[in-house]
Amino acid sequence: MTTKVSRYPTGSRYSRTRNKQLVRVLTMLKALETKRWTLDELADEQRVTTRTVRRDFEAVYAAHLQIDECKGDDGKRRFFRSIWS
């Protein structure tokens, strides 16, 4: 019987960073199901920069998940996730 050893040991800086991103992305996906958010609102909600939100979007797209987008009354792009798509 062989034991699989993780490439990145638990507690390493890399694994903590990946865990934070995973929690942030899952939280963001849940929030996107509740209302339409601007990029700035998502960044404020997650306490990160808009660049970080864009990186998280890239991770979601890489996983072939969909984030929908529309233009709000204020002209800003708003993002949401339809639970029916």
C-alpha atoms as a PDB file:
ATOM      1  CA  MET A   1       0.000   0.000   0.000  1.00  0.00           C
ATOM      2  CA  THR A   2       1.411   3.368  -0.967  1.00  0.00           C
ATOM      3  CA  THR A   3       0.594   6.692   0.583  1.00  0.00           C
ATOM      4  CA  LYS A   4       0.192   9.663  -1.701  1.00  0.00           C
ATOM      5  CA  VAL A   5       2.285  12.591  -0.572  1.00  0.00           C
ATOM      6  CA  SER A   6       1.077  16.042  -1.476  1.00  0.00           C
ATOM      7  CA  ARG A   7       3.362  18.134  -3.624  1.00  0.00           C
ATOM      8  CA  TYR A   8       2.593  21.044  -1.335  1.00  0.00           C
ATOM      9  CA  PRO A   9       2.539  20.042   2.324  1.00  0.00           C
ATOM     10  CA  THR A  10      -0.405  21.120   4.433  1.00  0.00           C
ATOM     11  CA  GLY A  11       0.379  24.419   6.053  1.00  0.00           C
ATOM     12  CA  SER A  12       2.769  25.516   3.320  1.00  0.00           C
ATOM     13  CA  ARG A  13       2.385  29.054   2.037  1.00  0.00           C
ATOM     14  CA  TYR A  14       1.206  27.773  -1.335  1.00  0.00           C
ATOM     15  CA  SER A  15      -1.545  25.575   0.112  1.00  0.00           C
ATOM     16  CA  ARG A  16      -2.794  28.388   2.371  1.00  0.00           C
ATOM     17  CA  THR A  17      -2.962  30.758  -0.598  1.00  0.00           C
ATOM     18  CA  ARG A  18      -4.849  28.211  -2.720  1.00  0.00           C
ATOM     19  CA  ASN A  19      -7.245  27.514   0.159  1.00  0.00           C
ATOM     20  CA  LYS A  20      -7.959  31.236   0.567  1.00  0.00           C
ATOM     21  CA  GLN A  21      -8.665  31.543  -3.146  1.00  0.00           C
ATOM     22  CA  LEU A  22     -10.955  28.506  -3.116  1.00  0.00           C
ATOM     23  CA  VAL A  23     -12.961  29.841  -0.173  1.00  0.00           C
ATOM     24  CA  ARG A  24     -13.121  33.288  -1.799  1.00  0.00           C
ATOM     25  CA  VAL A  25     -14.302  31.864  -5.157  1.00  0.00           C
ATOM     26  CA  LEU A  26     -16.981  29.684  -3.556  1.00  0.00           C
ATOM     27  CA  THR A  27     -18.193  32.620  -1.457  1.00  0.00           C
ATOM     28  CA  MET A  28     -18.256  34.821  -4.552  1.00  0.00           C
ATOM     29  CA  LEU A  29     -20.248  32.266  -6.567  1.00  0.00           C
ATOM     30  CA  LYS A  30     -22.809  32.041  -3.775  1.00  0.00           C
ATOM     31  CA  ALA A  31     -23.058  35.852  -3.622  1.00  0.00           C
ATOM     32  CA  LEU A  32     -23.485  36.071  -7.411  1.00  0.00           C
ATOM     33  CA  GLU A  33     -26.600  33.902  -7.101  1.00  0.00           C
ATOM     34  CA  THR A  34     -28.269  36.438  -4.784  1.00  0.00           C
ATOM     35  CA  LYS A  35     -27.977  39.680  -6.768  1.00  0.00           C
ATOM     36  CA  ARG A  36     -26.129  41.526  -9.533  1.00  0.00           C
ATOM     37  CA  TRP A  37     -22.762  42.911  -8.438  1.00  0.00           C
ATOM     38  CA  THR A  38     -20.309  45.390  -9.924  1.00  0.00           C
ATOM     39  CA  LEU A  39     -16.631  44.500  -9.876  1.00  0.00           C
ATOM     40  CA  ASP A  40     -16.040  47.136  -7.180  1.00  0.00           C
ATOM     41  CA  GLU A  41     -18.851  45.781  -5.002  1.00  0.00           C
ATOM     42  CA  LEU A  42     -17.472  42.239  -5.217  1.00  0.00           C
ATOM     43  CA  ALA A  43     -13.989  43.474  -4.328  1.00  0.00           C
ATOM     44  CA  ASP A  44     -15.331  45.413  -1.335  1.00  0.00           C
ATOM     45  CA  GLU A  45     -17.425  42.449  -0.185  1.00  0.00           C
ATOM     46  CA  GLN A  46     -14.438  40.087  -0.364  1.00  0.00           C
ATOM     47  CA  ARG A  47     -11.987  42.721   0.976  1.00  0.00           C
ATOM     48  CA  VAL A  48      -9.681  42.300  -2.030  1.00  0.00           C
ATOM     49  CA  THR A  49      -8.720  44.348  -5.083  1.00  0.00           C
ATOM     50  CA  THR A  50     -10.639  44.305  -8.350  1.00  0.00           C
ATOM     51  CA  ARG A  51      -7.601  42.596  -9.893  1.00  0.00           C
ATOM     52  CA  THR A  52      -8.047  39.714  -7.442  1.00  0.00           C
ATOM     53  CA  VAL A  53     -11.724  39.436  -8.398  1.00  0.00           C
ATOM     54  CA  ARG A  54     -10.695  39.271 -12.066  1.00  0.00           C
ATOM     55  CA  ARG A  55      -8.220  36.477 -11.238  1.00  0.00           C
ATOM     56  CA  ASP A  56     -10.988  34.643  -9.412  1.00  0.00           C
ATOM     57  CA  PHE A  57     -13.226  35.053 -12.473  1.00  0.00           C
ATOM     58  CA  GLU A  58     -10.431  33.503 -14.576  1.00  0.00           C
ATOM     59  CA  ALA A  59     -10.358  30.509 -12.210  1.00  0.00           C
ATOM     60  CA  VAL A  60     -14.136  30.131 -12.523  1.00  0.00           C
ATOM     61  CA  TYR A  61     -13.966  30.305 -16.326  1.00  0.00           C
ATOM     62  CA  ALA A  62     -11.098  27.765 -16.345  1.00  0.00           C
ATOM     63  CA  ALA A  63     -13.407  25.394 -14.456  1.00  0.00           C
ATOM     64  CA  HIS A  64     -15.998  25.910 -17.246  1.00  0.00           C
ATOM     65  CA  LEU A  65     -18.465  27.590 -14.912  1.00  0.00           C
ATOM     66  CA  GLN A  66     -20.519  30.502 -16.141  1.00  0.00           C
ATOM     67  CA  ILE A  67     -20.762  34.019 -14.770  1.00  0.00           C
ATOM     68  CA  ASP A  68     -23.378  36.127 -16.509  1.00  0.00           C
ATOM     69  CA  GLU A  69     -23.058  39.824 -17.160  1.00  0.00           C
ATOM     70  CA  CYS A  70     -25.391  42.715 -17.927  1.00  0.00           C
ATOM     71  CA  LYS A  71     -25.287  46.491 -17.974  1.00  0.00           C
ATOM     72  CA  GLY A  72     -26.979  48.170 -15.020  1.00  0.00           C
ATOM     73  CA  ASP A  73     -29.094  51.315 -15.056  1.00  0.00           C
ATOM     74  CA  ASP A  74     -25.983  53.252 -14.030  1.00  0.00           C
ATOM     75  CA  GLY A  75     -24.133  51.976 -17.110  1.00  0.00           C
ATOM     76  CA  LYS A  76     -21.771  49.772 -15.085  1.00  0.00           C
ATOM     77  CA  ARG A  77     -21.235  46.117 -15.878  1.00  0.00           C
ATOM     78  CA  ARG A  78     -22.953  43.879 -13.356  1.00  0.00           C
ATOM     79  CA  PHE A  79     -22.174  40.239 -12.800  1.00  0.00           C
ATOM     80  CA  PHE A  80     -24.478  37.485 -11.612  1.00  0.00           C
ATOM     81  CA  ARG A  81     -24.888  33.748 -11.718  1.00  0.00           C
ATOM     82  CA  SER A  82     -28.159  32.183 -12.695  1.00  0.00           C
ATOM     83  CA  ILE A  83     -28.828  29.011 -10.760  1.00  0.00           C
ATOM     84  CA  TRP A  84     -30.971  27.846 -13.676  1.00  0.00           C
ATOM     85  CA  SER A  85     -28.274  27.949 -16.373  1.00  0.00           C
END
